[in-house]
Amino acid sequence: MKPQKRNEPLELLLSLENDQPEALGSSLTTEADFTCGDESVDVFLRSESFTELRARWNTVMRALIASEHSLESASRRG
């Protein structure tokens, strides 16, 4: 595998298992391409540079963490 340069296009596929994939996916509507299965959500990011992909990754992770916390809070309440 050749070393990745900072200004080369990149793609990233992240597969997450969760019992509420639609809820996680809804937090990504404006952030990334995604598909939901029965118990998983696949997130696909593409970018023109490593720096841009890293920024998009950070945004997606913040959205997923917020969604997960919200789902946990809702399940504890009811």
PDB file of N, CA and C in Angstrom:
ATOM      1  N   MET A   1       0.853  -1.176   0.000  1.00  0.00           N
ATOM      2  CA  MET A   1       0.000   0.000   0.000  1.00  0.00           C
ATOM      3  C   MET A   1       0.897   1.237   0.000  1.00  0.00           C
ATOM      4  N   LYS A   2       0.631   2.161  -0.901  1.00  0.00           N
ATOM      5  CA  LYS A   2       1.443   3.380  -0.952  1.00  0.00           C
ATOM      6  C   LYS A   2       0.992   4.372   0.113  1.00  0.00           C
ATOM      7  N   PRO A   3       1.893   5.201   0.602  1.00  0.00           N
ATOM      8  CA  PRO A   3       1.520   6.203   1.614  1.00  0.00           C
ATOM      9  C   PRO A   3       0.494   7.194   1.073  1.00  0.00           C
ATOM     10  N   GLN A   4      -0.453   7.561   1.921  1.00  0.00           N
ATOM     11  CA  GLN A   4      -1.493   8.526   1.553  1.00  0.00           C
ATOM     12  C   GLN A   4      -0.935   9.939   1.650  1.00  0.00           C
ATOM     13  N   LYS A   5      -1.163  10.716   0.602  1.00  0.00           N
ATOM     14  CA  LYS A   5      -0.759  12.121   0.625  1.00  0.00           C
ATOM     15  C   LYS A   5      -1.917  12.955   1.142  1.00  0.00           C
ATOM     16  N   ARG A   6      -1.616  14.098   1.725  1.00  0.00           N
ATOM     17  CA  ARG A   6      -2.636  14.948   2.338  1.00  0.00           C
ATOM     18  C   ARG A   6      -3.626  15.518   1.332  1.00  0.00           C
ATOM     19  N   ASN A   7      -3.274  15.590   0.055  1.00  0.00           N
ATOM     20  CA  ASN A   7      -4.165  16.221  -0.920  1.00  0.00           C
ATOM     21  C   ASN A   7      -4.729  15.229  -1.934  1.00  0.00           C
ATOM     22  N   GLU A   8      -4.797  13.958  -1.600  1.00  0.00           N
ATOM     23  CA  GLU A   8      -5.382  12.957  -2.473  1.00  0.00           C
ATOM     24  C   GLU A   8      -6.808  12.645  -2.035  1.00  0.00           C
ATOM     25  N   PRO A   9      -7.707  12.350  -2.982  1.00  0.00           N
ATOM     26  CA  PRO A   9      -9.087  11.979  -2.615  1.00  0.00           C
ATOM     27  C   PRO A   9      -9.101  10.720  -1.742  1.00  0.00           C
ATOM     28  N   LEU A  10     -10.035  10.705  -0.802  1.00  0.00           N
ATOM     29  CA  LEU A  10     -10.169   9.588   0.137  1.00  0.00           C
ATOM     30  C   LEU A  10     -11.623   9.181   0.274  1.00  0.00           C
ATOM     31  N   GLU A  11     -11.830   7.929   0.643  1.00  0.00           N
ATOM     32  CA  GLU A  11     -13.163   7.421   0.963  1.00  0.00           C
ATOM     33  C   GLU A  11     -13.070   6.630   2.256  1.00  0.00           C
ATOM     34  N   LEU A  12     -14.151   6.683   3.036  1.00  0.00           N
ATOM     35  CA  LEU A  12     -14.199   5.983   4.310  1.00  0.00           C
ATOM     36  C   LEU A  12     -15.584   5.386   4.493  1.00  0.00           C
ATOM     37  N   LEU A  13     -15.639   4.115   4.864  1.00  0.00           N
ATOM     38  CA  LEU A  13     -16.900   3.455   5.169  1.00  0.00           C
ATOM     39  C   LEU A  13     -16.856   3.033   6.626  1.00  0.00           C
ATOM     40  N   LEU A  14     -17.853   3.476   7.369  1.00  0.00           N
ATOM     41  CA  LEU A  14     -17.966   3.163   8.790  1.00  0.00           C
ATOM     42  C   LEU A  14     -19.262   2.394   9.003  1.00  0.00           C
ATOM     43  N   SER A  15     -19.168   1.195   9.571  1.00  0.00           N
ATOM     44  CA  SER A  15     -20.351   0.378   9.854  1.00  0.00           C
ATOM     45  C   SER A  15     -20.555   0.325  11.362  1.00  0.00           C
ATOM     46  N   LEU A  16     -21.750   0.710  11.798  1.00  0.00           N
ATOM     47  CA  LEU A  16     -22.075   0.751  13.222  1.00  0.00           C
ATOM     48  C   LEU A  16     -23.252  -0.157  13.524  1.00  0.00           C
ATOM     49  N   GLU A  17     -23.125  -0.961  14.560  1.00  0.00           N
ATOM     50  CA  GLU A  17     -24.240  -1.782  15.013  1.00  0.00           C
ATOM     51  C   GLU A  17     -25.008  -1.019  16.072  1.00  0.00           C
ATOM     52  N   ASN A  18     -26.338  -1.004  15.942  1.00  0.00           N
ATOM     53  CA  ASN A  18     -27.187  -0.315  16.902  1.00  0.00           C
ATOM     54  C   ASN A  18     -28.603  -0.840  16.737  1.00  0.00           C
ATOM     55  N   ASP A  19     -29.344  -0.941  17.831  1.00  0.00           N
ATOM     56  CA  ASP A  19     -30.704  -1.458  17.735  1.00  0.00           C
ATOM     57  C   ASP A  19     -31.693  -0.400  17.229  1.00  0.00           C
ATOM     58  N   GLN A  20     -31.238   0.846  17.023  1.00  0.00           N
ATOM     59  CA  GLN A  20     -32.080   1.903  16.468  1.00  0.00           C
ATOM     60  C   GLN A  20     -31.338   2.633  15.335  1.00  0.00           C
ATOM     61  N   PRO A  21     -31.015   1.909  14.260  1.00  0.00           N
ATOM     62  CA  PRO A  21     -30.202   2.511  13.200  1.00  0.00           C
ATOM     63  C   PRO A  21     -30.867   3.707  12.514  1.00  0.00           C
ATOM     64  N   GLU A  22     -32.182   3.697  12.395  1.00  0.00           N
ATOM     65  CA  GLU A  22     -32.879   4.819  11.754  1.00  0.00           C
ATOM     66  C   GLU A  22     -32.689   6.112  12.551  1.00  0.00           C
ATOM     67  N   ALA A  23     -32.703   5.993  13.869  1.00  0.00           N
ATOM     68  CA  ALA A  23     -32.507   7.169  14.715  1.00  0.00           C
ATOM     69  C   ALA A  23     -31.090   7.716  14.553  1.00  0.00           C
ATOM     70  N   LEU A  24     -30.100   6.829  14.517  1.00  0.00           N
ATOM     71  CA  LEU A  24     -28.730   7.291  14.289  1.00  0.00           C
ATOM     72  C   LEU A  24     -28.604   7.904  12.896  1.00  0.00           C
ATOM     73  N   GLY A  25     -29.190   7.255  11.923  1.00  0.00           N
ATOM     74  CA  GLY A  25     -29.130   7.764  10.554  1.00  0.00           C
ATOM     75  C   GLY A  25     -29.747   9.138  10.418  1.00  0.00           C
ATOM     76  N   SER A  26     -30.815   9.381  11.138  1.00  0.00           N
ATOM     77  CA  SER A  26     -31.472  10.693  11.027  1.00  0.00           C
ATOM     78  C   SER A  26     -30.558  11.814  11.507  1.00  0.00           C
ATOM     79  N   SER A  27     -29.625  11.509  12.403  1.00  0.00           N
ATOM     80  CA  SER A  27     -28.691  12.540  12.858  1.00  0.00           C
ATOM     81  C   SER A  27     -27.638  12.859  11.799  1.00  0.00           C
ATOM     82  N   LEU A  28     -27.570  12.038  10.750  1.00  0.00           N
ATOM     83  CA  LEU A  28     -26.561  12.215   9.701  1.00  0.00           C
ATOM     84  C   LEU A  28     -27.124  12.766   8.399  1.00  0.00           C
ATOM     85  N   THR A  29     -28.387  13.083   8.376  1.00  0.00           N
ATOM     86  CA  THR A  29     -29.061  13.469   7.142  1.00  0.00           C
ATOM     87  C   THR A  29     -28.313  14.549   6.366  1.00  0.00           C
ATOM     88  N   THR A  30     -27.801  15.549   7.049  1.00  0.00           N
ATOM     89  CA  THR A  30     -27.103  16.639   6.354  1.00  0.00           C
ATOM     90  C   THR A  30     -25.588  16.486   6.390  1.00  0.00           C
ATOM     91  N   GLU A  31     -25.088  15.422   7.023  1.00  0.00           N
ATOM     92  CA  GLU A  31     -23.645  15.292   7.228  1.00  0.00           C
ATOM     93  C   GLU A  31     -22.952  14.286   6.318  1.00  0.00           C
ATOM     94  N   ALA A  32     -23.646  13.196   5.959  1.00  0.00           N
ATOM     95  CA  ALA A  32     -22.979  12.123   5.218  1.00  0.00           C
ATOM     96  C   ALA A  32     -23.995  11.255   4.500  1.00  0.00           C
ATOM     97  N   ASP A  33     -23.505  10.489   3.532  1.00  0.00           N
ATOM     98  CA  ASP A  33     -24.331   9.467   2.896  1.00  0.00           C
ATOM     99  C   ASP A  33     -24.372   8.271   3.839  1.00  0.00           C
ATOM    100  N   PHE A  34     -25.534   7.647   3.976  1.00  0.00           N
ATOM    101  CA  PHE A  34     -25.651   6.501   4.868  1.00  0.00           C
ATOM    102  C   PHE A  34     -26.773   5.591   4.406  1.00  0.00           C
ATOM    103  N   THR A  35     -26.703   4.343   4.857  1.00  0.00           N
ATOM    104  CA  THR A  35     -27.788   3.388   4.649  1.00  0.00           C
ATOM    105  C   THR A  35     -28.040   2.702   5.985  1.00  0.00           C
ATOM    106  N   CYS A  36     -29.283   2.360   6.217  1.00  0.00           N
ATOM    107  CA  CYS A  36     -29.664   1.695   7.460  1.00  0.00           C
ATOM    108  C   CYS A  36     -30.124   0.273   7.172  1.00  0.00           C
ATOM    109  N   GLY A  37     -29.635  -0.661   7.971  1.00  0.00           N
ATOM    110  CA  GLY A  37     -30.085  -2.038   7.926  1.00  0.00           C
ATOM    111  C   GLY A  37     -30.968  -2.308   9.124  1.00  0.00           C
ATOM    112  N   ASP A  38     -31.204  -3.593   9.412  1.00  0.00           N
ATOM    113  CA  ASP A  38     -32.050  -3.962  10.559  1.00  0.00           C
ATOM    114  C   ASP A  38     -31.443  -3.514  11.882  1.00  0.00           C
ATOM    115  N   GLU A  39     -30.145  -3.710  12.038  1.00  0.00           N
ATOM    116  CA  GLU A  39     -29.490  -3.336  13.291  1.00  0.00           C
ATOM    117  C   GLU A  39     -28.142  -2.675  13.041  1.00  0.00           C
ATOM    118  N   SER A  40     -28.035  -1.955  11.928  1.00  0.00           N
ATOM    119  CA  SER A  40     -26.771  -1.284  11.644  1.00  0.00           C
ATOM    120  C   SER A  40     -27.010  -0.077  10.742  1.00  0.00           C
ATOM    121  N   VAL A  41     -26.044   0.818  10.792  1.00  0.00           N
ATOM    122  CA  VAL A  41     -26.036   1.960   9.889  1.00  0.00           C
ATOM    123  C   VAL A  41     -24.633   2.027   9.281  1.00  0.00           C
ATOM    124  N   ASP A  42     -24.571   2.159   7.962  1.00  0.00           N
ATOM    125  CA  ASP A  42     -23.306   2.290   7.242  1.00  0.00           C
ATOM    126  C   ASP A  42     -23.175   3.741   6.798  1.00  0.00           C
ATOM    127  N   VAL A  43     -22.065   4.360   7.166  1.00  0.00           N
ATOM    128  CA  VAL A  43     -21.807   5.762   6.850  1.00  0.00           C
ATOM    129  C   VAL A  43     -20.678   5.818   5.839  1.00  0.00           C
ATOM    130  N   PHE A  44     -20.885   6.569   4.759  1.00  0.00           N
ATOM    131  CA  PHE A  44     -19.890   6.677   3.706  1.00  0.00           C
ATOM    132  C   PHE A  44     -19.453   8.131   3.572  1.00  0.00           C
ATOM    133  N   LEU A  45     -18.159   8.362   3.760  1.00  0.00           N
ATOM    134  CA  LEU A  45     -17.595   9.702   3.610  1.00  0.00           C
ATOM    135  C   LEU A  45     -16.604   9.693   2.462  1.00  0.00           C
ATOM    136  N   ARG A  46     -16.616  10.744   1.675  1.00  0.00           N
ATOM    137  CA  ARG A  46     -15.595  10.914   0.639  1.00  0.00           C
ATOM    138  C   ARG A  46     -15.152  12.367   0.665  1.00  0.00           C
ATOM    139  N   SER A  47     -13.900  12.567   0.334  1.00  0.00           N
ATOM    140  CA  SER A  47     -13.338  13.901   0.428  1.00  0.00           C
ATOM    141  C   SER A  47     -12.173  14.048  -0.541  1.00  0.00           C
ATOM    142  N   GLU A  48     -11.854  15.274  -0.839  1.00  0.00           N
ATOM    143  CA  GLU A  48     -10.745  15.559  -1.749  1.00  0.00           C
ATOM    144  C   GLU A  48      -9.395  15.621  -1.048  1.00  0.00           C
ATOM    145  N   SER A  49      -9.386  15.622   0.279  1.00  0.00           N
ATOM    146  CA  SER A  49      -8.118  15.674   1.006  1.00  0.00           C
ATOM    147  C   SER A  49      -8.269  15.025   2.379  1.00  0.00           C
ATOM    148  N   PHE A  50      -7.142  14.644   2.937  1.00  0.00           N
ATOM    149  CA  PHE A  50      -7.138  14.053   4.268  1.00  0.00           C
ATOM    150  C   PHE A  50      -7.671  15.041   5.299  1.00  0.00           C
ATOM    151  N   THR A  51      -7.260  16.289   5.188  1.00  0.00           N
ATOM    152  CA  THR A  51      -7.688  17.314   6.146  1.00  0.00           C
ATOM    153  C   THR A  51      -9.199  17.491   6.122  1.00  0.00           C
ATOM    154  N   GLU A  52      -9.777  17.525   4.929  1.00  0.00           N
ATOM    155  CA  GLU A  52     -11.227  17.671   4.804  1.00  0.00           C
ATOM    156  C   GLU A  52     -11.942  16.429   5.335  1.00  0.00           C
ATOM    157  N   LEU A  53     -11.413  15.252   5.043  1.00  0.00           N
ATOM    158  CA  LEU A  53     -12.036  14.023   5.539  1.00  0.00           C
ATOM    159  C   LEU A  53     -12.001  13.992   7.062  1.00  0.00           C
ATOM    160  N   ARG A  54     -10.897  14.399   7.648  1.00  0.00           N
ATOM    161  CA  ARG A  54     -10.800  14.439   9.103  1.00  0.00           C
ATOM    162  C   ARG A  54     -11.846  15.373   9.705  1.00  0.00           C
ATOM    163  N   ALA A  55     -12.054  16.527   9.092  1.00  0.00           N
ATOM    164  CA  ALA A  55     -13.069  17.471   9.575  1.00  0.00           C
ATOM    165  C   ALA A  55     -14.467  16.873   9.455  1.00  0.00           C
ATOM    166  N   ARG A  56     -14.735  16.222   8.338  1.00  0.00           N
ATOM    167  CA  ARG A  56     -16.049  15.590   8.145  1.00  0.00           C
ATOM    168  C   ARG A  56     -16.245  14.450   9.144  1.00  0.00           C
ATOM    169  N   TRP A  57     -15.192  13.665   9.392  1.00  0.00           N
ATOM    170  CA  TRP A  57     -15.237  12.586  10.384  1.00  0.00           C
ATOM    171  C   TRP A  57     -15.611  13.152  11.752  1.00  0.00           C
ATOM    172  N   ASN A  58     -14.956  14.234  12.153  1.00  0.00           N
ATOM    173  CA  ASN A  58     -15.241  14.848  13.451  1.00  0.00           C
ATOM    174  C   ASN A  58     -16.705  15.289  13.544  1.00  0.00           C
ATOM    175  N   THR A  59     -17.227  15.885  12.483  1.00  0.00           N
ATOM    176  CA  THR A  59     -18.622  16.325  12.469  1.00  0.00           C
ATOM    177  C   THR A  59     -19.573  15.143  12.585  1.00  0.00           C
ATOM    178  N   VAL A  60     -19.302  14.093  11.834  1.00  0.00           N
ATOM    179  CA  VAL A  60     -20.141  12.892  11.885  1.00  0.00           C
ATOM    180  C   VAL A  60     -20.098  12.261  13.273  1.00  0.00           C
ATOM    181  N   MET A  61     -18.915  12.179  13.859  1.00  0.00           N
ATOM    182  CA  MET A  61     -18.806  11.570  15.185  1.00  0.00           C
ATOM    183  C   MET A  61     -19.564  12.393  16.228  1.00  0.00           C
ATOM    184  N   ARG A  62     -19.492  13.710  16.155  1.00  0.00           N
ATOM    185  CA  ARG A  62     -20.249  14.544  17.096  1.00  0.00           C
ATOM    186  C   ARG A  62     -21.749  14.307  16.940  1.00  0.00           C
ATOM    187  N   ALA A  63     -22.222  14.210  15.708  1.00  0.00           N
ATOM    188  CA  ALA A  63     -23.648  13.964  15.466  1.00  0.00           C
ATOM    189  C   ALA A  63     -24.066  12.601  16.008  1.00  0.00           C
ATOM    190  N   LEU A  64     -23.243  11.584  15.792  1.00  0.00           N
ATOM    191  CA  LEU A  64     -23.569  10.245  16.283  1.00  0.00           C
ATOM    192  C   LEU A  64     -23.549  10.182  17.811  1.00  0.00           C
ATOM    193  N   ILE A  65     -22.580  10.824  18.426  1.00  0.00           N
ATOM    194  CA  ILE A  65     -22.499  10.830  19.889  1.00  0.00           C
ATOM    195  C   ILE A  65     -23.717  11.536  20.492  1.00  0.00           C
ATOM    196  N   ALA A  66     -24.088  12.670  19.922  1.00  0.00           N
ATOM    197  CA  ALA A  66     -25.264  13.395  20.419  1.00  0.00           C
ATOM    198  C   ALA A  66     -26.525  12.550  20.253  1.00  0.00           C
ATOM    199  N   SER A  67     -26.652  11.888  19.127  1.00  0.00           N
ATOM    200  CA  SER A  67     -27.812  11.041  18.884  1.00  0.00           C
ATOM    201  C   SER A  67     -27.849   9.872  19.865  1.00  0.00           C
ATOM    202  N   GLU A  68     -26.718   9.232  20.082  1.00  0.00           N
ATOM    203  CA  GLU A  68     -26.643   8.109  21.016  1.00  0.00           C
ATOM    204  C   GLU A  68     -27.006   8.559  22.430  1.00  0.00           C
ATOM    205  N   HIS A  69     -26.505   9.699  22.865  1.00  0.00           N
ATOM    206  CA  HIS A  69     -26.843  10.208  24.204  1.00  0.00           C
ATOM    207  C   HIS A  69     -28.338  10.501  24.317  1.00  0.00           C
ATOM    208  N   SER A  70     -28.889  11.045  23.273  1.00  0.00           N
ATOM    209  CA  SER A  70     -30.308  11.352  23.266  1.00  0.00           C
ATOM    210  C   SER A  70     -31.139  10.071  23.351  1.00  0.00           C
ATOM    211  N   LEU A  71     -30.753   9.054  22.624  1.00  0.00           N
ATOM    212  CA  LEU A  71     -31.459   7.774  22.659  1.00  0.00           C
ATOM    213  C   LEU A  71     -31.345   7.117  24.037  1.00  0.00           C
ATOM    214  N   GLU A  72     -30.165   7.202  24.651  1.00  0.00           N
ATOM    215  CA  GLU A  72     -29.989   6.643  25.994  1.00  0.00           C
ATOM    216  C   GLU A  72     -30.880   7.363  27.011  1.00  0.00           C
ATOM    217  N   SER A  73     -30.926   8.681  26.918  1.00  0.00           N
ATOM    218  CA  SER A  73     -31.761   9.461  27.843  1.00  0.00           C
ATOM    219  C   SER A  73     -33.235   9.102  27.678  1.00  0.00           C
ATOM    220  N   ALA A  74     -33.678   8.977  26.445  1.00  0.00           N
ATOM    221  CA  ALA A  74     -35.071   8.651  26.167  1.00  0.00           C
ATOM    222  C   ALA A  74     -35.426   7.265  26.688  1.00  0.00           C
ATOM    223  N   SER A  75     -34.502   6.309  26.553  1.00  0.00           N
ATOM    224  CA  SER A  75     -34.807   4.951  27.018  1.00  0.00           C
ATOM    225  C   SER A  75     -34.841   4.888  28.549  1.00  0.00           C
ATOM    226  N   ARG A  76     -34.056   5.714  29.219  1.00  0.00           N
ATOM    227  CA  ARG A  76     -34.076   5.731  30.688  1.00  0.00           C
ATOM    228  C   ARG A  76     -35.372   6.346  31.221  1.00  0.00           C
ATOM    229  N   ARG A  77     -35.913   7.319  30.484  1.00  0.00           N
ATOM    230  CA  ARG A  77     -37.139   7.993  30.932  1.00  0.00           C
ATOM    231  C   ARG A  77     -38.372   7.151  30.686  1.00  0.00           C
ATOM    232  N   GLY A  78     -38.319   6.362  29.665  1.00  0.00           N
ATOM    233  CA  GLY A  78     -39.579   5.740  29.400  1.00  0.00           C
ATOM    234  C   GLY A  78     -39.607   4.392  28.913  1.00  0.00           C
TER     235      GLY A  78
END
